[in-house]
């Protein structure tokens, strides 16, 4: 479930960062005949930003920082641990206890995100072949 939750957060972050000309392909001519008041990319960006804000509020700032650093920015657990306030750095490496604590916090945050925010259609089914 943690992998699914990480992928979900990454997809939200990518959608939230899509703005301006990168969000719309101006080379394609389309005629909108829908009756829904949907603004396509703008609604998607706003929805992703809103969902990310709800996730951040739900898991808390320390775990949000870890989640963003590792899942979205692509840092390692050791790199994230070096930025932790109580870390002991020796020879350029973070101590094992801090790395383990960061790993546990990341796992717990991803479990919370998975349980609360990931749509049921994305969750793995138990007992399926």
N, C-alpha and C. Protein backbone atom coordinates (compact mmCIF):
# COMPACT_ATOMS: atom_id res chain seq x y z
N UNK A 1 0.81 -1.19 0.00
CA UNK A 1 0.00 0.00 0.00
C UNK A 1 0.86 1.27 0.00
N UNK A 2 2.02 1.18 0.63
CA UNK A 2 2.91 2.34 0.69
C UNK A 2 3.37 2.76 -0.70
N UNK A 3 3.61 1.80 -1.56
CA UNK A 3 4.06 2.11 -2.92
C UNK A 3 2.95 2.81 -3.70
N UNK A 4 1.72 2.33 -3.54
CA UNK A 4 0.58 2.95 -4.20
C UNK A 4 0.39 4.38 -3.69
N UNK A 5 0.51 4.56 -2.37
CA UNK A 5 0.36 5.89 -1.79
C UNK A 5 1.46 6.83 -2.27
N UNK A 6 2.69 6.33 -2.37
CA UNK A 6 3.79 7.16 -2.87
C UNK A 6 3.53 7.59 -4.31
N UNK A 7 3.08 6.66 -5.13
CA UNK A 7 2.75 6.98 -6.51
C UNK A 7 1.63 7.99 -6.62
N UNK A 8 0.65 7.87 -5.73
CA UNK A 8 -0.47 8.80 -5.71
C UNK A 8 -0.01 10.22 -5.37
N UNK A 9 0.85 10.34 -4.36
CA UNK A 9 1.37 11.65 -3.96
C UNK A 9 2.21 12.25 -5.08
N UNK A 10 3.04 11.43 -5.73
CA UNK A 10 3.86 11.92 -6.83
C UNK A 10 2.98 12.41 -7.98
N UNK A 11 1.92 11.66 -8.30
CA UNK A 11 1.04 12.08 -9.39
C UNK A 11 0.32 13.38 -9.04
N UNK A 12 -0.08 13.55 -7.78
CA UNK A 12 -0.70 14.81 -7.36
C UNK A 12 0.29 15.97 -7.46
N UNK A 13 1.53 15.74 -7.02
CA UNK A 13 2.55 16.79 -7.07
C UNK A 13 2.84 17.20 -8.51
N UNK A 14 2.91 16.22 -9.41
CA UNK A 14 3.15 16.53 -10.81
C UNK A 14 1.98 17.30 -11.41
N UNK A 15 0.76 16.92 -11.06
CA UNK A 15 -0.42 17.63 -11.56
C UNK A 15 -0.48 19.05 -11.01
N UNK A 16 -0.08 19.22 -9.75
CA UNK A 16 -0.12 20.55 -9.14
C UNK A 16 0.94 21.48 -9.74
N UNK A 17 2.03 20.91 -10.22
CA UNK A 17 3.10 21.72 -10.79
C UNK A 17 2.86 22.05 -12.25
N UNK A 18 1.92 21.36 -12.89
CA UNK A 18 1.63 21.63 -14.30
C UNK A 18 0.83 22.92 -14.38
N UNK A 19 1.44 23.93 -14.93
CA UNK A 19 0.74 25.20 -15.06
C UNK A 19 1.23 25.92 -16.30
N UNK A 20 0.52 26.95 -16.66
CA UNK A 20 0.90 27.75 -17.80
C UNK A 20 0.82 26.97 -19.10
N UNK A 21 1.75 27.22 -19.99
CA UNK A 21 1.70 26.61 -21.31
C UNK A 21 1.97 25.12 -21.30
N UNK A 22 2.59 24.60 -20.24
CA UNK A 22 2.86 23.17 -20.20
C UNK A 22 1.60 22.36 -19.92
N UNK A 23 0.56 23.00 -19.41
CA UNK A 23 -0.66 22.29 -19.07
C UNK A 23 -1.61 22.17 -20.25
N UNK A 24 -1.45 22.97 -21.27
CA UNK A 24 -2.37 22.99 -22.39
C UNK A 24 -1.58 22.84 -23.69
N UNK A 25 -2.06 21.99 -24.56
CA UNK A 25 -1.45 21.83 -25.87
C UNK A 25 -2.18 22.74 -26.85
N UNK A 26 -1.57 23.87 -27.16
CA UNK A 26 -2.21 24.86 -28.01
C UNK A 26 -2.19 24.47 -29.49
N UNK A 27 -1.47 23.42 -29.84
CA UNK A 27 -1.42 22.98 -31.23
C UNK A 27 -2.67 22.23 -31.64
N UNK A 28 -3.44 21.76 -30.66
CA UNK A 28 -4.63 20.97 -30.95
C UNK A 28 -5.86 21.87 -30.88
N UNK A 29 -6.64 21.85 -31.93
CA UNK A 29 -7.88 22.63 -31.96
C UNK A 29 -9.00 21.73 -31.50
N UNK A 30 -9.74 22.18 -30.50
CA UNK A 30 -10.84 21.39 -29.96
C UNK A 30 -12.07 22.27 -29.83
N UNK A 31 -13.20 21.70 -30.08
CA UNK A 31 -14.47 22.38 -29.87
C UNK A 31 -15.12 21.72 -28.67
N UNK A 32 -15.39 22.50 -27.65
CA UNK A 32 -15.99 21.97 -26.43
C UNK A 32 -17.50 22.02 -26.56
N UNK A 33 -18.12 20.85 -26.60
CA UNK A 33 -19.57 20.78 -26.69
C UNK A 33 -20.19 20.28 -25.39
N UNK A 34 -19.38 20.19 -24.35
CA UNK A 34 -19.92 19.69 -23.08
C UNK A 34 -20.76 20.76 -22.41
N UNK A 35 -21.62 20.31 -21.54
CA UNK A 35 -22.47 21.24 -20.80
C UNK A 35 -21.94 21.45 -19.38
N UNK A 36 -20.88 20.72 -19.04
CA UNK A 36 -20.32 20.85 -17.69
C UNK A 36 -19.42 22.08 -17.61
N UNK A 37 -19.47 22.79 -16.51
CA UNK A 37 -18.54 23.92 -16.33
C UNK A 37 -17.18 23.41 -15.84
N UNK A 38 -16.45 22.77 -16.73
CA UNK A 38 -15.16 22.17 -16.38
C UNK A 38 -14.07 22.91 -17.12
N UNK A 39 -13.07 23.36 -16.39
CA UNK A 39 -12.00 24.13 -17.00
C UNK A 39 -10.76 23.29 -17.23
N UNK A 40 -10.93 22.01 -17.47
CA UNK A 40 -9.83 21.12 -17.82
C UNK A 40 -8.62 21.22 -16.94
N UNK A 41 -7.50 21.66 -17.49
CA UNK A 41 -6.24 21.70 -16.73
C UNK A 41 -6.32 22.55 -15.47
N UNK A 42 -7.02 23.66 -15.52
CA UNK A 42 -7.09 24.53 -14.34
C UNK A 42 -7.77 23.81 -13.18
N UNK A 43 -8.85 23.09 -13.45
CA UNK A 43 -9.53 22.34 -12.40
C UNK A 43 -8.66 21.21 -11.87
N UNK A 44 -7.92 20.56 -12.75
CA UNK A 44 -7.04 19.48 -12.34
C UNK A 44 -5.93 20.00 -11.43
N UNK A 45 -5.34 21.13 -11.80
CA UNK A 45 -4.27 21.74 -10.99
C UNK A 45 -4.79 22.15 -9.63
N UNK A 46 -5.93 22.82 -9.62
CA UNK A 46 -6.52 23.28 -8.36
C UNK A 46 -6.90 22.10 -7.48
N UNK A 47 -7.47 21.05 -8.08
CA UNK A 47 -7.83 19.87 -7.31
C UNK A 47 -6.63 19.19 -6.71
N UNK A 48 -5.55 19.08 -7.46
CA UNK A 48 -4.32 18.45 -6.96
C UNK A 48 -3.72 19.27 -5.83
N UNK A 49 -3.69 20.59 -5.98
CA UNK A 49 -3.14 21.44 -4.92
C UNK A 49 -3.97 21.35 -3.64
N UNK A 50 -5.29 21.30 -3.81
CA UNK A 50 -6.18 21.18 -2.65
C UNK A 50 -5.96 19.85 -1.94
N UNK A 51 -5.87 18.76 -2.71
CA UNK A 51 -5.66 17.45 -2.11
C UNK A 51 -4.30 17.37 -1.40
N UNK A 52 -3.26 17.95 -2.00
CA UNK A 52 -1.95 17.97 -1.34
C UNK A 52 -2.00 18.75 -0.04
N UNK A 53 -2.72 19.85 -0.02
CA UNK A 53 -2.85 20.64 1.21
C UNK A 53 -3.58 19.83 2.29
N UNK A 54 -4.60 19.07 1.90
CA UNK A 54 -5.32 18.24 2.87
C UNK A 54 -4.42 17.13 3.41
N UNK A 55 -3.60 16.53 2.53
CA UNK A 55 -2.67 15.49 2.97
C UNK A 55 -1.65 16.08 3.94
N UNK A 56 -1.12 17.25 3.62
CA UNK A 56 -0.13 17.90 4.49
C UNK A 56 -0.72 18.18 5.86
N UNK A 57 -1.94 18.67 5.89
CA UNK A 57 -2.59 18.96 7.17
C UNK A 57 -2.87 17.68 7.96
N UNK A 58 -3.20 16.62 7.26
CA UNK A 58 -3.56 15.36 7.91
C UNK A 58 -2.35 14.67 8.54
N UNK A 59 -1.22 14.63 7.81
CA UNK A 59 -0.06 13.90 8.34
C UNK A 59 0.88 14.78 9.16
N UNK A 60 0.77 16.08 9.06
CA UNK A 60 1.62 16.98 9.84
C UNK A 60 2.88 17.40 9.10
N UNK A 61 3.41 18.54 9.49
CA UNK A 61 4.53 19.15 8.79
C UNK A 61 5.81 18.30 8.78
N UNK A 62 6.24 17.72 9.91
CA UNK A 62 7.49 16.93 9.84
C UNK A 62 7.40 15.76 8.86
N UNK A 63 6.30 15.02 8.92
CA UNK A 63 6.14 13.87 8.01
C UNK A 63 5.91 14.33 6.58
N UNK A 64 5.26 15.47 6.40
CA UNK A 64 5.06 16.03 5.06
C UNK A 64 6.41 16.37 4.43
N UNK A 65 7.31 16.95 5.20
CA UNK A 65 8.64 17.30 4.69
C UNK A 65 9.40 16.05 4.25
N UNK A 66 9.30 15.00 5.05
CA UNK A 66 9.97 13.74 4.71
C UNK A 66 9.35 13.15 3.44
N UNK A 67 8.03 13.12 3.38
CA UNK A 67 7.32 12.56 2.23
C UNK A 67 7.69 13.29 0.94
N UNK A 68 7.71 14.61 0.98
CA UNK A 68 8.04 15.39 -0.22
C UNK A 68 9.51 15.20 -0.61
N UNK A 69 10.39 15.20 0.37
CA UNK A 69 11.82 15.07 0.07
C UNK A 69 12.13 13.73 -0.58
N UNK A 70 11.55 12.66 -0.09
CA UNK A 70 11.89 11.33 -0.58
C UNK A 70 11.07 10.95 -1.81
N UNK A 71 9.76 11.11 -1.74
CA UNK A 71 8.89 10.64 -2.84
C UNK A 71 8.88 11.58 -4.03
N UNK A 72 8.84 12.88 -3.79
CA UNK A 72 8.69 13.84 -4.88
C UNK A 72 10.04 14.37 -5.37
N UNK A 73 10.91 14.75 -4.44
CA UNK A 73 12.20 15.32 -4.83
C UNK A 73 13.23 14.25 -5.15
N UNK A 74 12.98 13.01 -4.77
CA UNK A 74 13.87 11.91 -5.12
C UNK A 74 15.10 11.77 -4.23
N UNK A 75 15.06 12.32 -3.04
CA UNK A 75 16.19 12.16 -2.11
C UNK A 75 16.17 10.78 -1.47
N UNK A 76 17.31 10.38 -0.97
CA UNK A 76 17.37 9.11 -0.24
C UNK A 76 16.99 9.37 1.22
N UNK A 77 16.76 8.28 1.95
CA UNK A 77 16.44 8.43 3.37
C UNK A 77 17.60 9.09 4.10
N UNK A 78 18.83 8.73 3.73
CA UNK A 78 20.00 9.33 4.40
C UNK A 78 20.09 10.83 4.12
N UNK A 79 19.80 11.23 2.89
CA UNK A 79 19.81 12.67 2.57
C UNK A 79 18.73 13.42 3.35
N UNK A 80 17.56 12.80 3.47
CA UNK A 80 16.49 13.43 4.25
C UNK A 80 16.86 13.47 5.73
N UNK A 81 17.56 12.44 6.19
CA UNK A 81 17.96 12.39 7.60
C UNK A 81 18.97 13.48 7.95
N UNK A 82 19.83 13.83 6.99
CA UNK A 82 20.82 14.88 7.24
C UNK A 82 20.17 16.23 7.55
N UNK A 83 18.97 16.45 7.03
CA UNK A 83 18.27 17.71 7.26
C UNK A 83 17.43 17.67 8.54
N UNK A 84 17.38 16.52 9.20
CA UNK A 84 16.57 16.37 10.41
C UNK A 84 17.24 17.11 11.57
N UNK A 85 16.47 17.80 12.42
CA UNK A 85 17.08 18.65 13.47
C UNK A 85 17.94 17.91 14.48
N UNK A 86 17.65 16.66 14.78
CA UNK A 86 18.40 15.95 15.83
C UNK A 86 19.44 15.00 15.27
N UNK A 87 19.77 15.10 14.01
CA UNK A 87 20.71 14.18 13.39
C UNK A 87 22.13 14.40 13.90
N UNK A 88 22.87 13.30 13.97
CA UNK A 88 24.30 13.37 14.28
C UNK A 88 25.02 12.95 13.01
N UNK A 89 25.76 13.88 12.41
CA UNK A 89 26.47 13.59 11.16
C UNK A 89 27.93 13.32 11.48
N UNK A 90 28.41 12.17 11.01
CA UNK A 90 29.81 11.80 11.21
C UNK A 90 30.36 11.37 9.85
N UNK A 91 31.44 12.00 9.44
CA UNK A 91 32.06 11.73 8.13
C UNK A 91 31.07 11.88 6.98
N UNK A 92 30.20 12.86 7.09
CA UNK A 92 29.25 13.14 6.02
C UNK A 92 28.06 12.21 5.96
N UNK A 93 27.91 11.31 6.94
CA UNK A 93 26.80 10.37 6.95
C UNK A 93 25.94 10.58 8.19
N UNK A 94 24.64 10.43 8.01
CA UNK A 94 23.72 10.55 9.14
C UNK A 94 23.79 9.28 9.97
N UNK A 95 23.54 9.42 11.28
CA UNK A 95 23.58 8.24 12.15
C UNK A 95 22.43 7.29 11.82
N UNK A 96 22.65 6.00 12.13
CA UNK A 96 21.69 4.95 11.78
C UNK A 96 20.35 5.13 12.47
N UNK A 97 20.36 5.62 13.71
CA UNK A 97 19.10 5.78 14.45
C UNK A 97 18.20 6.81 13.78
N UNK A 98 18.79 7.91 13.31
CA UNK A 98 18.00 8.94 12.64
C UNK A 98 17.48 8.42 11.31
N UNK A 99 18.31 7.70 10.57
CA UNK A 99 17.86 7.12 9.29
C UNK A 99 16.71 6.15 9.52
N UNK A 100 16.81 5.33 10.57
CA UNK A 100 15.73 4.39 10.87
C UNK A 100 14.46 5.13 11.27
N UNK A 101 14.61 6.20 12.03
CA UNK A 101 13.44 6.98 12.44
C UNK A 101 12.77 7.65 11.24
N UNK A 102 13.58 8.16 10.32
CA UNK A 102 13.03 8.78 9.09
C UNK A 102 12.30 7.73 8.27
N UNK A 103 12.87 6.55 8.16
CA UNK A 103 12.22 5.46 7.43
C UNK A 103 10.90 5.07 8.03
N UNK A 104 10.84 4.99 9.37
CA UNK A 104 9.58 4.66 10.05
C UNK A 104 8.54 5.74 9.84
N UNK A 105 8.97 7.00 9.94
CA UNK A 105 8.03 8.12 9.76
C UNK A 105 7.50 8.14 8.33
N UNK A 106 8.36 7.85 7.35
CA UNK A 106 7.92 7.80 5.96
C UNK A 106 6.89 6.69 5.77
N UNK A 107 7.20 5.51 6.29
CA UNK A 107 6.27 4.38 6.17
C UNK A 107 4.92 4.70 6.82
N UNK A 108 4.95 5.27 8.01
CA UNK A 108 3.70 5.62 8.70
C UNK A 108 2.91 6.68 7.95
N UNK A 109 3.60 7.67 7.41
CA UNK A 109 2.92 8.72 6.64
C UNK A 109 2.28 8.15 5.39
N UNK A 110 2.99 7.26 4.69
CA UNK A 110 2.44 6.65 3.49
C UNK A 110 1.25 5.76 3.82
N UNK A 111 1.29 5.08 4.94
CA UNK A 111 0.14 4.27 5.35
C UNK A 111 -1.08 5.15 5.62
N UNK A 112 -0.87 6.29 6.29
CA UNK A 112 -1.97 7.23 6.54
C UNK A 112 -2.55 7.76 5.23
N UNK A 113 -1.68 8.13 4.31
CA UNK A 113 -2.13 8.64 3.01
C UNK A 113 -2.90 7.55 2.27
N UNK A 114 -2.39 6.33 2.30
CA UNK A 114 -3.03 5.23 1.61
C UNK A 114 -4.42 4.93 2.15
N UNK A 115 -4.55 4.94 3.47
CA UNK A 115 -5.84 4.63 4.09
C UNK A 115 -6.88 5.73 3.87
N UNK A 116 -6.43 6.97 3.91
CA UNK A 116 -7.36 8.10 3.91
C UNK A 116 -7.61 8.72 2.54
N UNK A 117 -6.59 8.78 1.67
CA UNK A 117 -6.69 9.58 0.45
C UNK A 117 -6.68 8.80 -0.86
N UNK A 118 -6.02 7.67 -0.89
CA UNK A 118 -5.92 6.92 -2.16
C UNK A 118 -7.30 6.36 -2.50
N UNK A 119 -7.79 6.61 -3.72
CA UNK A 119 -9.10 6.07 -4.11
C UNK A 119 -9.12 4.54 -4.06
N UNK A 120 -10.28 3.99 -3.74
CA UNK A 120 -10.40 2.53 -3.63
C UNK A 120 -10.03 1.81 -4.92
N UNK A 121 -10.27 2.46 -6.05
CA UNK A 121 -9.94 1.82 -7.33
C UNK A 121 -8.44 1.62 -7.51
N UNK A 122 -7.62 2.37 -6.78
CA UNK A 122 -6.17 2.25 -6.89
C UNK A 122 -5.59 1.30 -5.85
N UNK A 123 -6.37 0.98 -4.81
CA UNK A 123 -5.86 0.14 -3.73
C UNK A 123 -5.76 -1.31 -4.20
N UNK A 124 -4.71 -2.00 -3.76
CA UNK A 124 -4.58 -3.40 -4.14
C UNK A 124 -5.66 -4.25 -3.47
N UNK A 125 -6.15 -5.22 -4.19
CA UNK A 125 -7.19 -6.09 -3.67
C UNK A 125 -6.54 -7.32 -3.03
N UNK A 126 -6.96 -7.62 -1.85
CA UNK A 126 -6.41 -8.79 -1.15
C UNK A 126 -7.07 -10.04 -1.70
N UNK A 127 -6.29 -11.06 -1.90
CA UNK A 127 -6.81 -12.33 -2.37
C UNK A 127 -7.03 -12.41 -3.86
N UNK A 128 -6.65 -11.39 -4.60
CA UNK A 128 -6.82 -11.45 -6.05
C UNK A 128 -5.64 -12.18 -6.67
N UNK A 129 -5.88 -12.86 -7.79
CA UNK A 129 -4.80 -13.65 -8.40
C UNK A 129 -3.73 -12.80 -9.03
